[in-house]
C-alpha atoms as a PDB file:
ATOM      1  CA  MET A   1    -100.873   1.170-159.054  1.00  0.00           C
ATOM      2  CA  PRO A   2    -102.711  -1.714-157.357  1.00  0.00           C
ATOM      3  CA  TYR A   3    -104.225  -4.104-159.878  1.00  0.00           C
ATOM      4  CA  VAL A   4    -106.318  -7.271-159.805  1.00  0.00           C
ATOM      5  CA  ASP A   5    -104.383 -10.426-160.712  1.00  0.00           C
ATOM      6  CA  ARG A   6    -105.644 -13.665-162.232  1.00  0.00           C
ATOM      7  CA  GLN A   7    -106.594 -15.008-158.796  1.00  0.00           C
ATOM      8  CA  ASN A   8    -108.785 -11.967-158.125  1.00  0.00           C
ATOM      9  CA  ARG A   9    -106.367 -10.543-155.546  1.00  0.00           C
ATOM     10  CA  ILE A  10    -105.234  -6.923-155.345  1.00  0.00           C
ATOM     11  CA  CYS A  11    -101.478  -6.674-155.926  1.00  0.00           C
ATOM     12  CA  GLY A  12     -98.700  -4.167-156.408  1.00  0.00           C
ATOM     13  CA  PHE A  13     -95.378  -2.810-155.201  1.00  0.00           C
ATOM     14  CA  LEU A  14     -95.006  -0.616-152.119  1.00  0.00           C
ATOM     15  CA  ASP A  15     -92.149   0.406-149.817  1.00  0.00           C
ATOM     16  CA  ILE A  16     -92.550  -0.629-146.190  1.00  0.00           C
ATOM     17  CA  GLU A  17     -90.734   0.275-142.968  1.00  0.00           C
ATOM     18  CA  GLU A  18     -90.298  -3.302-141.765  1.00  0.00           C
ATOM     19  CA  ASN A  19     -88.316  -2.382-138.650  1.00  0.00           C
ATOM     20  CA  GLU A  20     -90.442  -0.015-136.598  1.00  0.00           C
ATOM     21  CA  ASN A  21     -89.111   3.565-136.320  1.00  0.00           C
ATOM     22  CA  SER A  22     -86.034   2.684-138.392  1.00  0.00           C
ATOM     23  CA  GLY A  23     -86.852   5.187-141.124  1.00  0.00           C
ATOM     24  CA  LYS A  24     -85.636   2.646-143.682  1.00  0.00           C
ATOM     25  CA  PHE A  25     -88.173   1.678-146.342  1.00  0.00           C
ATOM     26  CA  LEU A  26     -87.756  -1.478-148.429  1.00  0.00           C
ATOM     27  CA  ARG A  27     -89.556  -2.301-151.670  1.00  0.00           C
ATOM     28  CA  ARG A  28     -91.841  -5.300-151.441  1.00  0.00           C
ATOM     29  CA  TYR A  29     -94.587  -6.928-153.509  1.00  0.00           C
ATOM     30  CA  PHE A  30     -97.929  -6.878-151.662  1.00  0.00           C
ATOM     31  CA  ILE A  31    -100.969  -9.119-152.094  1.00  0.00           C
ATOM     32  CA  LEU A  32    -104.328  -8.216-150.565  1.00  0.00           C
ATOM     33  CA  ASP A  33    -106.448 -11.358-150.419  1.00  0.00           C
ATOM     34  CA  THR A  34    -109.889 -10.913-148.844  1.00  0.00           C
ATOM     35  CA  ARG A  35    -110.717 -14.583-149.295  1.00  0.00           C
ATOM     36  CA  GLU A  36    -107.784 -15.523-147.097  1.00  0.00           C
ATOM     37  CA  ASP A  37    -108.362 -12.475-144.871  1.00  0.00           C
ATOM     38  CA  SER A  38    -104.709 -11.518-145.285  1.00  0.00           C
ATOM     39  CA  PHE A  39    -102.330  -8.806-146.433  1.00  0.00           C
ATOM     40  CA  VAL A  40     -98.947 -10.365-147.256  1.00  0.00           C
ATOM     41  CA  TRP A  41     -95.727  -9.137-148.805  1.00  0.00           C
ATOM     42  CA  TYR A  42     -92.826 -10.782-150.607  1.00  0.00           C
ATOM     43  CA  MET A  43     -89.370  -9.798-151.812  1.00  0.00           C
ATOM     44  CA  ASP A  44     -90.772  -9.753-155.358  1.00  0.00           C
ATOM     45  CA  ASN A  45     -93.740 -11.004-157.320  1.00  0.00           C
ATOM     46  CA  PRO A  46     -93.973 -14.701-156.266  1.00  0.00           C
ATOM     47  CA  GLN A  47     -94.067 -15.628-159.971  1.00  0.00           C
ATOM     48  CA  ASN A  48     -90.471 -14.417-160.203  1.00  0.00           C
ATOM     49  CA  LEU A  49     -89.200 -16.075-157.007  1.00  0.00           C
ATOM     50  CA  PRO A  50     -87.900 -19.641-156.672  1.00  0.00           C
ATOM     51  CA  SER A  51     -90.578 -22.212-155.959  1.00  0.00           C
ATOM     52  CA  GLY A  52     -91.349 -22.427-152.259  1.00  0.00           C
ATOM     53  CA  SER A  53     -90.013 -18.971-151.396  1.00  0.00           C
ATOM     54  CA  SER A  54     -91.526 -17.745-148.165  1.00  0.00           C
ATOM     55  CA  ARG A  55     -93.224 -14.414-147.679  1.00  0.00           C
ATOM     56  CA  VAL A  56     -91.454 -11.586-145.868  1.00  0.00           C
ATOM     57  CA  GLY A  57     -94.423 -10.551-143.745  1.00  0.00           C
ATOM     58  CA  ALA A  58     -98.154 -10.993-143.285  1.00  0.00           C
ATOM     59  CA  ILE A  59    -101.010  -9.662-141.227  1.00  0.00           C
ATOM     60  CA  LYS A  60    -104.663 -10.618-140.823  1.00  0.00           C
ATOM     61  CA  LEU A  61    -107.091  -8.023-142.119  1.00  0.00           C
ATOM     62  CA  THR A  62    -109.138  -8.342-138.924  1.00  0.00           C
ATOM     63  CA  TYR A  63    -106.222  -6.868-136.953  1.00  0.00           C
ATOM     64  CA  ILE A  64    -106.033  -3.734-139.107  1.00  0.00           C
ATOM     65  CA  SER A  65    -108.187  -1.054-137.524  1.00  0.00           C
ATOM     66  CA  LYS A  66    -107.524   1.859-139.864  1.00  0.00           C
ATOM     67  CA  VAL A  67    -105.455   2.920-142.896  1.00  0.00           C
ATOM     68  CA  SER A  68    -104.825   6.627-143.480  1.00  0.00           C
ATOM     69  CA  ASP A  69    -102.546   9.231-145.050  1.00  0.00           C
ATOM     70  CA  ALA A  70     -99.375   9.749-142.994  1.00  0.00           C
ATOM     71  CA  THR A  71     -97.630  12.587-144.806  1.00  0.00           C
ATOM     72  CA  LYS A  72     -97.920  14.782-141.680  1.00  0.00           C
ATOM     73  CA  LEU A  73     -96.575  12.032-139.427  1.00  0.00           C
ATOM     74  CA  ARG A  74     -93.682  11.285-141.775  1.00  0.00           C
ATOM     75  CA  PRO A  75     -93.024  14.520-143.718  1.00  0.00           C
ATOM     76  CA  LYS A  76     -89.713  13.205-145.081  1.00  0.00           C
ATOM     77  CA  ALA A  77     -91.336  10.064-146.501  1.00  0.00           C
ATOM     78  CA  GLU A  78     -93.091  11.001-149.728  1.00  0.00           C
ATOM     79  CA  PHE A  79     -96.558   9.523-150.431  1.00  0.00           C
ATOM     80  CA  CYS A  80     -96.593   7.804-147.046  1.00  0.00           C
ATOM     81  CA  PHE A  81     -99.585   6.145-145.387  1.00  0.00           C
ATOM     82  CA  VAL A  82     -99.992   4.279-142.107  1.00  0.00           C
ATOM     83  CA  MET A  83    -101.696   0.998-141.289  1.00  0.00           C
ATOM     84  CA  ASN A  84    -102.757   0.635-137.633  1.00  0.00           C
ATOM     85  CA  ALA A  85    -102.635  -2.973-136.450  1.00  0.00           C
ATOM     86  CA  GLY A  86    -102.911  -3.607-132.729  1.00  0.00           C
ATOM     87  CA  MET A  87     -99.977  -2.012-130.904  1.00  0.00           C
ATOM     88  CA  ARG A  88     -98.008  -1.560-134.125  1.00  0.00           C
ATOM     89  CA  LYS A  89     -98.155   1.070-136.838  1.00  0.00           C
ATOM     90  CA  TYR A  90     -96.928   0.015-140.270  1.00  0.00           C
ATOM     91  CA  PHE A  91     -95.710   2.892-142.448  1.00  0.00           C
ATOM     92  CA  LEU A  92     -95.748   2.357-146.204  1.00  0.00           C
ATOM     93  CA  GLN A  93     -94.802   4.468-149.202  1.00  0.00           C
ATOM     94  CA  ALA A  94     -96.778   4.505-152.425  1.00  0.00           C
ATOM     95  CA  ASN A  95     -95.373   5.306-155.857  1.00  0.00           C
ATOM     96  CA  ASP A  96     -97.314   8.551-156.269  1.00  0.00           C
ATOM     97  CA  GLN A  97    -100.332  10.378-154.854  1.00  0.00           C
ATOM     98  CA  GLN A  98    -102.870   8.444-156.923  1.00  0.00           C
ATOM     99  CA  ASP A  99    -101.254   5.170-155.878  1.00  0.00           C
ATOM    100  CA  LEU A 100    -101.483   6.261-152.224  1.00  0.00           C
ATOM    101  CA  VAL A 101    -105.193   7.109-152.485  1.00  0.00           C
ATOM    102  CA  GLU A 102    -106.051   3.819-154.212  1.00  0.00           C
ATOM    103  CA  TRP A 103    -104.167   1.670-151.678  1.00  0.00           C
ATOM    104  CA  VAL A 104    -105.763   3.482-148.725  1.00  0.00           C
ATOM    105  CA  ASN A 105    -109.212   3.026-150.258  1.00  0.00           C
ATOM    106  CA  VAL A 106    -108.903  -0.678-151.099  1.00  0.00           C
ATOM    107  CA  LEU A 107    -107.374  -1.509-147.711  1.00  0.00           C
ATOM    108  CA  ASN A 108    -110.067   0.344-145.778  1.00  0.00           C
ATOM    109  CA  LYS A 109    -112.789  -1.385-147.811  1.00  0.00           C
ATOM    110  CA  ALA A 110    -111.136  -4.756-147.265  1.00  0.00           C
ATOM    111  CA  ILE A 111    -110.947  -4.403-143.475  1.00  0.00           C
ATOM    112  CA  LYS A 112    -114.603  -3.324-143.353  1.00  0.00           C
ATOM    113  CA  ILE A 113    -115.887  -6.438-145.094  1.00  0.00           C
ATOM    114  CA  THR A 114    -113.760  -8.739-142.924  1.00  0.00           C
ATOM    115  CA  VAL A 115    -115.029  -7.426-139.585  1.00  0.00           C
ATOM    116  CA  PRO A 116    -116.852 -10.353-137.878  1.00  0.00           C
ATOM    117  CA  LYS A 117    -120.646 -10.030-137.865  1.00  0.00           C
ATOM    118  CA  GLN A 118    -122.628 -10.783-134.709  1.00  0.00           C
ATOM    119  CA  SER A 119    -125.420 -13.324-135.041  1.00  0.00           C
ATOM    120  CA  ASP A 120    -127.848 -15.029-132.693  1.00  0.00           C
ATOM    121  CA  SER A 121    -125.969 -18.297-132.734  1.00  0.00           C
ATOM    122  CA  HIS A 122    -122.448 -16.875-132.501  1.00  0.00           C
ATOM    123  CA  PRO A 123    -121.198 -14.239-130.004  1.00  0.00           C
ATOM    124  CA  ALA A 124    -119.347 -11.193-131.308  1.00  0.00           C
ATOM    125  CA  SER A 125    -116.158 -12.265-129.525  1.00  0.00           C
ATOM    126  CA  ASP A 126    -115.969 -15.444-131.569  1.00  0.00           C
ATOM    127  CA  ASN A 127    -113.509 -13.994-134.083  1.00  0.00           C
ATOM    128  CA  LEU A 128    -111.470 -17.041-134.884  1.00  0.00           C
ATOM    129  CA  ASN A 129    -114.155 -19.614-135.652  1.00  0.00           C
ATOM    130  CA  ARG A 130    -116.717 -17.264-137.164  1.00  0.00           C
ATOM    131  CA  GLN A 131    -119.163 -18.578-139.724  1.00  0.00           C
ATOM    132  CA  GLY A 132    -121.052 -15.363-140.539  1.00  0.00           C
ATOM    133  CA  ASP A 133    -123.506 -14.672-143.318  1.00  0.00           C
ATOM    134  CA  CYS A 134    -121.081 -15.598-146.076  1.00  0.00           C
ATOM    135  CA  GLY A 135    -121.031 -19.340-145.362  1.00  0.00           C
ATOM    136  CA  LYS A 136    -117.520 -19.632-143.936  1.00  0.00           C
ATOM    137  CA  LYS A 137    -116.763 -22.981-142.350  1.00  0.00           C
ATOM    138  CA  GLN A 138    -114.904 -23.293-139.083  1.00  0.00           C
ATOM    139  CA  VAL A 139    -111.138 -23.429-139.486  1.00  0.00           C
ATOM    140  CA  SER A 140    -108.164 -23.813-137.199  1.00  0.00           C
ATOM    141  CA  TYR A 141    -105.561 -21.054-136.827  1.00  0.00           C
ATOM    142  CA  ARG A 142    -101.945 -20.601-135.760  1.00  0.00           C
ATOM    143  CA  THR A 143    -100.952 -17.481-133.792  1.00  0.00           C
ATOM    144  CA  ASP A 144     -97.506 -15.858-134.114  1.00  0.00           C
ATOM    145  CA  ILE A 145     -96.248 -12.723-132.394  1.00  0.00           C
ATOM    146  CA  VAL A 146     -94.410 -10.423-134.819  1.00  0.00           C
ATOM    147  CA  GLY A 147     -93.242  -7.031-133.589  1.00  0.00           C
ATOM    148  CA  GLY A 148     -95.649  -7.202-130.666  1.00  0.00           C
ATOM    149  CA  VAL A 149     -98.605  -7.813-132.994  1.00  0.00           C
ATOM    150  CA  PRO A 150    -100.455 -11.151-132.980  1.00  0.00           C
ATOM    151  CA  ILE A 151    -100.448 -12.517-136.520  1.00  0.00           C
ATOM    152  CA  ILE A 152    -103.028 -15.245-137.056  1.00  0.00           C
ATOM    153  CA  THR A 153    -102.852 -17.555-140.059  1.00  0.00           C
ATOM    154  CA  PRO A 154    -105.202 -20.442-140.945  1.00  0.00           C
ATOM    155  CA  THR A 155    -103.765 -23.951-140.911  1.00  0.00           C
ATOM    156  CA  GLN A 156    -106.340 -25.132-143.459  1.00  0.00           C
ATOM    157  CA  LYS A 157    -108.207 -23.575-146.340  1.00  0.00           C
ATOM    158  CA  GLU A 158    -111.437 -21.668-145.777  1.00  0.00           C
ATOM    159  CA  GLU A 159    -114.417 -22.154-148.049  1.00  0.00           C
ATOM    160  CA  VAL A 160    -115.989 -18.857-148.928  1.00  0.00           C
ATOM    161  CA  ASN A 161    -118.904 -18.128-151.185  1.00  0.00           C
ATOM    162  CA  GLU A 162    -119.148 -15.197-153.552  1.00  0.00           C
ATOM    163  CA  CYS A 163    -120.211 -12.670-150.927  1.00  0.00           C
ATOM    164  CA  GLY A 164    -116.825 -13.068-149.259  1.00  0.00           C
ATOM    165  CA  GLU A 165    -115.289 -11.132-152.149  1.00  0.00           C
ATOM    166  CA  SER A 166    -117.050  -7.796-152.158  1.00  0.00           C
ATOM    167  CA  VAL A 167    -114.213  -5.283-152.519  1.00  0.00           C
ATOM    168  CA  ASP A 168    -115.111  -2.589-155.019  1.00  0.00           C
ATOM    169  CA  ARG A 169    -112.667  -3.098-157.867  1.00  0.00           C
ATOM    170  CA  ASN A 170    -114.464  -1.108-160.528  1.00  0.00           C
ATOM    171  CA  HIS A 171    -111.784   1.567-160.448  1.00  0.00           C
ATOM    172  CA  LEU A 172    -108.929  -0.951-160.614  1.00  0.00           C
ATOM    173  CA  LYS A 173    -107.645  -2.325-163.888  1.00  0.00           C
ATOM    174  CA  ARG A 174    -107.793  -6.060-164.363  1.00  0.00           C
ATOM    175  CA  SER A 175    -104.435  -7.224-165.572  1.00  0.00           C
ATOM    176  CA  GLN A 176    -103.895  -8.948-168.907  1.00  0.00           C
ATOM    177  CA  SER A 177    -100.162  -9.219-166.264  1.00  0.00           C
ATOM    178  CA  HIS A 178     -94.445   0.529-160.923  1.00  0.00           C
ATOM    179  CA  LEU A 179     -91.889   1.284-160.138  1.00  0.00           C
ATOM    180  CA  PRO A 180     -88.943  -1.112-160.257  1.00  0.00           C
ATOM    181  CA  TYR A 181     -87.996  -3.453-157.431  1.00  0.00           C
ATOM    182  CA  PHE A 182     -84.842  -1.412-156.872  1.00  0.00           C
ATOM    183  CA  THR A 183     -84.444   2.336-157.120  1.00  0.00           C
ATOM    184  CA  PRO A 184     -83.695   3.126-160.775  1.00  0.00           C
ATOM    185  CA  LYS A 185     -80.281   4.551-161.525  1.00  0.00           C
ATOM    186  CA  PRO A 186     -80.251   8.095-162.857  1.00  0.00           C
ATOM    187  CA  ALA A 187     -79.916   8.499-166.593  1.00  0.00           C
ATOM    188  CA  PRO A 188     -76.248   9.052-167.493  1.00  0.00           C
ATOM    189  CA  ASP A 189     -77.242  11.457-170.247  1.00  0.00           C
ATOM    190  CA  SER A 190     -80.247  12.955-171.949  1.00  0.00           C
ATOM    191  CA  ALA A 191     -80.290  10.209-174.595  1.00  0.00           C
ATOM    192  CA  VAL A 192     -81.900   7.741-172.166  1.00  0.00           C
ATOM    193  CA  ILE A 193     -85.645   7.765-172.804  1.00  0.00           C
ATOM    194  CA  LYS A 194     -86.833   5.256-170.206  1.00  0.00           C
ATOM    195  CA  ALA A 195     -85.237   2.947-167.661  1.00  0.00           C
ATOM    196  CA  GLY A 196     -86.464   0.542-165.006  1.00  0.00           C
ATOM    197  CA  TYR A 197     -86.832  -3.050-163.904  1.00  0.00           C
ATOM    198  CA  CYS A 198     -88.877  -5.670-165.745  1.00  0.00           C
ATOM    199  CA  VAL A 199     -88.863  -9.462-165.812  1.00  0.00           C
ATOM    200  CA  LYS A 200     -87.864 -11.249-169.021  1.00  0.00           C
ATOM    201  CA  GLN A 201     -87.939 -14.820-170.213  1.00  0.00           C
ATOM    202  CA  GLY A 202     -84.636 -16.523-170.992  1.00  0.00           C
ATOM    203  CA  ALA A 203     -83.951 -17.751-174.521  1.00  0.00           C
ATOM    204  CA  VAL A 204     -82.805 -21.274-173.637  1.00  0.00           C
ATOM    205  CA  MET A 205     -84.024 -22.273-170.167  1.00  0.00           C
ATOM    206  CA  LYS A 206     -87.247 -20.247-170.478  1.00  0.00           C
ATOM    207  CA  ASN A 207     -86.854 -19.099-166.898  1.00  0.00           C
ATOM    208  CA  TRP A 208     -87.852 -15.604-165.776  1.00  0.00           C
ATOM    209  CA  LYS A 209     -85.358 -13.143-164.324  1.00  0.00           C
ATOM    210  CA  ARG A 210     -85.585  -9.518-163.244  1.00  0.00           C
ATOM    211  CA  ARG A 211     -83.439  -7.265-165.395  1.00  0.00           C
ATOM    212  CA  TYR A 212     -82.791  -3.541-165.578  1.00  0.00           C
ATOM    213  CA  PHE A 213     -83.933  -2.242-168.977  1.00  0.00           C
ATOM    214  CA  GLN A 214     -82.706   0.956-170.569  1.00  0.00           C
ATOM    215  CA  LEU A 215     -84.092   2.550-173.716  1.00  0.00           C
ATOM    216  CA  ASP A 216     -82.261   5.234-175.677  1.00  0.00           C
ATOM    217  CA  GLU A 217     -82.662   6.762-179.125  1.00  0.00           C
ATOM    218  CA  ASN A 218     -81.144   3.810-180.966  1.00  0.00           C
ATOM    219  CA  THR A 219     -81.258   0.729-178.741  1.00  0.00           C
ATOM    220  CA  ILE A 220     -82.986  -1.032-175.885  1.00  0.00           C
ATOM    221  CA  GLY A 221     -80.683  -3.022-173.617  1.00  0.00           C
ATOM    222  CA  TYR A 222     -80.914  -4.871-170.338  1.00  0.00           C
ATOM    223  CA  PHE A 223     -78.495  -5.237-167.436  1.00  0.00           C
ATOM    224  CA  LYS A 224     -78.251  -7.660-164.530  1.00  0.00           C
ATOM    225  CA  SER A 225     -78.917  -4.692-162.222  1.00  0.00           C
ATOM    226  CA  GLU A 226     -78.876  -0.920-162.319  1.00  0.00           C
ATOM    227  CA  LEU A 227     -75.379  -1.031-160.783  1.00  0.00           C
ATOM    228  CA  GLU A 228     -73.869  -2.799-163.794  1.00  0.00           C
ATOM    229  CA  LYS A 229     -72.102  -0.760-166.472  1.00  0.00           C
ATOM    230  CA  GLU A 230     -72.059  -3.406-169.201  1.00  0.00           C
ATOM    231  CA  PRO A 231     -75.398  -4.634-170.572  1.00  0.00           C
ATOM    232  CA  LEU A 232     -76.168  -8.336-170.923  1.00  0.00           C
ATOM    233  CA  ARG A 233     -77.616  -7.595-174.345  1.00  0.00           C
ATOM    234  CA  VAL A 234     -78.357  -4.629-176.577  1.00  0.00           C
ATOM    235  CA  ILE A 235     -81.163  -4.722-179.165  1.00  0.00           C
ATOM    236  CA  PRO A 236     -80.873  -2.164-181.985  1.00  0.00           C
ATOM    237  CA  LEU A 237     -84.225  -0.500-182.588  1.00  0.00           C
ATOM    238  CA  LYS A 238     -83.694  -0.866-186.344  1.00  0.00           C
ATOM    239  CA  GLU A 239     -84.081  -4.639-185.848  1.00  0.00           C
ATOM    240  CA  VAL A 240     -87.358  -4.342-183.923  1.00  0.00           C
ATOM    241  CA  HIS A 241     -90.403  -5.113-186.067  1.00  0.00           C
ATOM    242  CA  LYS A 242     -93.019  -4.375-183.422  1.00  0.00           C
ATOM    243  CA  VAL A 243     -93.637  -4.069-179.688  1.00  0.00           C
ATOM    244  CA  GLN A 244     -97.073  -4.938-178.346  1.00  0.00           C
ATOM    245  CA  GLU A 245     -99.070  -6.506-175.539  1.00  0.00           C
ATOM    246  CA  CYS A 246     -98.474 -10.237-175.608  1.00  0.00           C
ATOM    247  CA  LYS A 247    -101.357 -12.305-176.974  1.00  0.00           C
ATOM    248  CA  GLN A 248     -99.984 -15.419-175.235  1.00  0.00           C
ATOM    249  CA  SER A 249    -100.191 -13.983-171.714  1.00  0.00           C
ATOM    250  CA  ASP A 250    -102.992 -16.415-170.826  1.00  0.00           C
ATOM    251  CA  ILE A 251    -100.898 -19.378-171.951  1.00  0.00           C
ATOM    252  CA  MET A 252     -97.839 -18.176-170.046  1.00  0.00           C
ATOM    253  CA  MET A 253     -99.957 -17.239-167.011  1.00  0.00           C
ATOM    254  CA  ARG A 254     -98.148 -13.910-166.743  1.00  0.00           C
ATOM    255  CA  ASP A 255     -99.691 -10.557-165.935  1.00  0.00           C
ATOM    256  CA  ASN A 256     -98.589  -7.325-167.656  1.00  0.00           C
ATOM    257  CA  LEU A 257     -96.759  -9.189-170.424  1.00  0.00           C
ATOM    258  CA  PHE A 258     -95.566  -7.564-173.644  1.00  0.00           C
ATOM    259  CA  GLU A 259     -93.336  -8.705-176.478  1.00  0.00           C
ATOM    260  CA  ILE A 260     -90.520  -7.138-178.458  1.00  0.00           C
ATOM    261  CA  VAL A 261     -90.398  -8.817-181.865  1.00  0.00           C
ATOM    262  CA  THR A 262     -87.067  -8.623-183.700  1.00  0.00           C
ATOM    263  CA  THR A 263     -85.645 -10.195-186.826  1.00  0.00           C
ATOM    264  CA  SER A 264     -84.122 -13.130-184.942  1.00  0.00           C
ATOM    265  CA  ARG A 265     -86.142 -13.487-181.733  1.00  0.00           C
ATOM    266  CA  THR A 266     -89.222 -12.474-179.765  1.00  0.00           C
ATOM    267  CA  PHE A 267     -88.436 -11.121-176.297  1.00  0.00           C
ATOM    268  CA  TYR A 268     -91.157 -11.671-173.670  1.00  0.00           C
ATOM    269  CA  VAL A 269     -91.083  -8.999-170.977  1.00  0.00           C
ATOM    270  CA  GLN A 270     -93.260  -8.651-167.873  1.00  0.00           C
ATOM    271  CA  ALA A 271     -93.820  -5.229-166.300  1.00  0.00           C
ATOM    272  CA  ASP A 272     -94.829  -4.626-162.706  1.00  0.00           C
ATOM    273  CA  SER A 273     -98.244  -3.171-163.526  1.00  0.00           C
ATOM    274  CA  PRO A 274    -100.574  -2.606-166.488  1.00  0.00           C
ATOM    275  CA  GLU A 275     -99.642   1.090-166.496  1.00  0.00           C
ATOM    276  CA  GLU A 276     -95.940   0.290-166.655  1.00  0.00           C
ATOM    277  CA  MET A 277     -96.497  -2.231-169.456  1.00  0.00           C
ATOM    278  CA  HIS A 278     -98.300   0.345-171.607  1.00  0.00           C
ATOM    279  CA  SER A 279     -95.654   2.933-170.734  1.00  0.00           C
ATOM    280  CA  TRP A 280     -92.882   0.667-172.078  1.00  0.00           C
ATOM    281  CA  ILE A 281     -94.839  -0.148-175.252  1.00  0.00           C
ATOM    282  CA  LYS A 282     -95.459   3.537-175.902  1.00  0.00           C
ATOM    283  CA  ALA A 283     -91.846   4.522-175.169  1.00  0.00           C
ATOM    284  CA  VAL A 284     -90.282   1.872-177.414  1.00  0.00           C
ATOM    285  CA  SER A 285     -92.775   2.504-180.219  1.00  0.00           C
ATOM    286  CA  GLY A 286     -92.141   6.236-179.977  1.00  0.00           C
ATOM    287  CA  ALA A 287     -88.377   5.758-180.098  1.00  0.00           C
ATOM    288  CA  ILE A 288     -88.724   3.617-183.228  1.00  0.00           C
ATOM    289  CA  VAL A 289     -90.894   6.202-184.961  1.00  0.00           C
ATOM    290  CA  ALA A 290     -88.489   8.984-183.977  1.00  0.00           C
ATOM    291  CA  GLN A 291     -85.539   7.021-185.331  1.00  0.00           C
ATOM    292  CA  ARG A 292     -87.118   6.031-188.648  1.00  0.00           C
ATOM    293  CA  GLY A 293     -89.270   9.087-189.128  1.00  0.00           C
ATOM    294  CA  PRO A 294     -93.040   9.120-189.687  1.00  0.00           C
ATOM    295  CA  GLY A 295     -94.244   7.000-192.571  1.00  0.00           C
ATOM    296  CA  ARG A 296     -91.053   5.007-192.961  1.00  0.00           C
ATOM    297  CA  SER A 297     -90.809   1.280-192.667  1.00  0.00           C
ATOM    298  CA  ALA A 298     -87.611  -0.626-191.909  1.00  0.00           C
ATOM    299  CA  SER A 299     -87.283  -1.684-195.550  1.00  0.00           C
ATOM    300  CA  SER A 300     -87.670   1.871-196.819  1.00  0.00           C
ATOM    301  CA  MET A 301     -84.972   3.016-194.404  1.00  0.00           C
ATOM    302  CA  ARG A 302     -82.568   0.384-195.720  1.00  0.00           C
ATOM    303  CA  GLN A 303     -83.394   1.436-199.244  1.00  0.00           C
ATOM    304  CA  ALA A 304     -82.757   5.080-198.383  1.00  0.00           C
ATOM    305  CA  ARG A 305     -79.266   4.278-197.136  1.00  0.00           C
ATOM    306  CA  ARG A 306     -78.413   2.685-200.502  1.00  0.00           C
ATOM    307  CA  LEU A 307     -79.639   5.614-202.530  1.00  0.00           C
ATOM    308  CA  SER A 308     -77.781   8.783-203.338  1.00  0.00           C
ATOM    309  CA  ASN A 309     -77.776  11.968-201.301  1.00  0.00           C
ATOM    310  CA  PRO A 310     -80.498  13.710-203.361  1.00  0.00           C
ATOM    311  CA  CYS A 311     -82.943  10.945-202.590  1.00  0.00           C
ATOM    312  CA  ILE A 312     -82.018  11.036-198.925  1.00  0.00           C
ATOM    313  CA  GLN A 313     -82.719  14.762-198.933  1.00  0.00           C
ATOM    314  CA  ARG A 314     -86.017  14.105-200.653  1.00  0.00           C
ATOM    315  CA  TYR A 315     -86.941  11.703-197.823  1.00  0.00           C
ATOM    316  CA  THR A 316     -86.156  14.447-195.363  1.00  0.00           C
ATOM    317  CA  SER A 317     -88.148  17.181-197.062  1.00  0.00           C
ATOM    318  CA  ARG A 318     -91.038  15.128-198.400  1.00  0.00           C
ATOM    319  CA  THR A 319     -91.510  12.325-195.901  1.00  0.00           C
ATOM    320  CA  GLY A 320     -93.456   9.352-197.141  1.00  0.00           C
ATOM    321  CA  GLU A 321     -93.175   9.841-200.929  1.00  0.00           C
ATOM    322  CA  CYS A 322     -90.317   7.374-201.304  1.00  0.00           C
ATOM    323  CA  GLY A 323     -91.707   4.832-198.869  1.00  0.00           C
ATOM    324  CA  THR A 324     -94.878   3.207-197.673  1.00  0.00           C
ATOM    325  CA  TYR A 325     -96.800   4.935-194.904  1.00  0.00           C
ATOM    326  CA  VAL A 326     -97.371   2.706-191.911  1.00  0.00           C
ATOM    327  CA  SER A 327     -99.606   3.696-189.005  1.00  0.00           C
ATOM    328  CA  HIS A 328     -98.580   3.358-185.349  1.00  0.00           C
ATOM    329  CA  ALA A 329    -100.896   0.403-184.923  1.00  0.00           C
ATOM    330  CA  SER A 330     -99.539  -1.616-187.827  1.00  0.00           C
ATOM    331  CA  ALA A 331     -96.003  -0.308-188.164  1.00  0.00           C
ATOM    332  CA  PRO A 332     -93.386  -3.052-188.397  1.00  0.00           C
ATOM    333  CA  SER A 333     -91.542  -1.374-185.536  1.00  0.00           C
END
């Protein structure tokens, strides 16, 4: 789902047909910035790319005339919508129907507020050096032709007052920081509870890399990609004390950040959206509860293994009497 990042921009993953009429959609990270009057896309979230990485594509909002549902135009492309820009039509795929509706709405609202306003001192055709009611200063622009569409980018920063940011974001979730960057591999068996791409912090260099995570009934592991058979690391769920939204996200300047706290280390993991972050927290917490049983802490489980069979049976039939009950919110999971 599109979400508002720390710079007050609307962001999220979409698939785009970069080569017109190719039928090939590629996953990209999009940023809608009404202050810069631009809609740009990158290979991944710029936070996860090397410093100085260039964007894959960009278009001025003033060149987008309309954004609409395109499921009838592209029946084979699920959750598809089209963005009309000059002589070019950009086809994009959302993650689901709700995602499609939200992107169409925010894009249409964005192009409405960036349409130049006519005033007595400035003709309507003065689109490039418009000052308007929002106090924009004159700026210089560079024009590039991409796919037959003129793409105009400013060569210096614009100064915009508060009225230049009037997109209705009430229905969007502000990130604390949905699908994976690559298509997730199918679960090899029914034991896999959840799988997908996230970004994690390294233990030594503290750099951030995209990894393919896979959660099953007993472990959570991560791979270099979904094509790899051997995981880079496997974390037994019995060693996980808790999984929760990261309280240091402001310090790390990361959106959608959660942490997996184990006996030996805290793993910092960044999801692609707030919804995906909460989905991972819920899935891992649920797997821990299912493994240990309701009302059992890690210490009580270790104690149960040391006790005789009758006591183990008593744990099974009368859960909680041999251990300390711990709620979902405070469980040392």
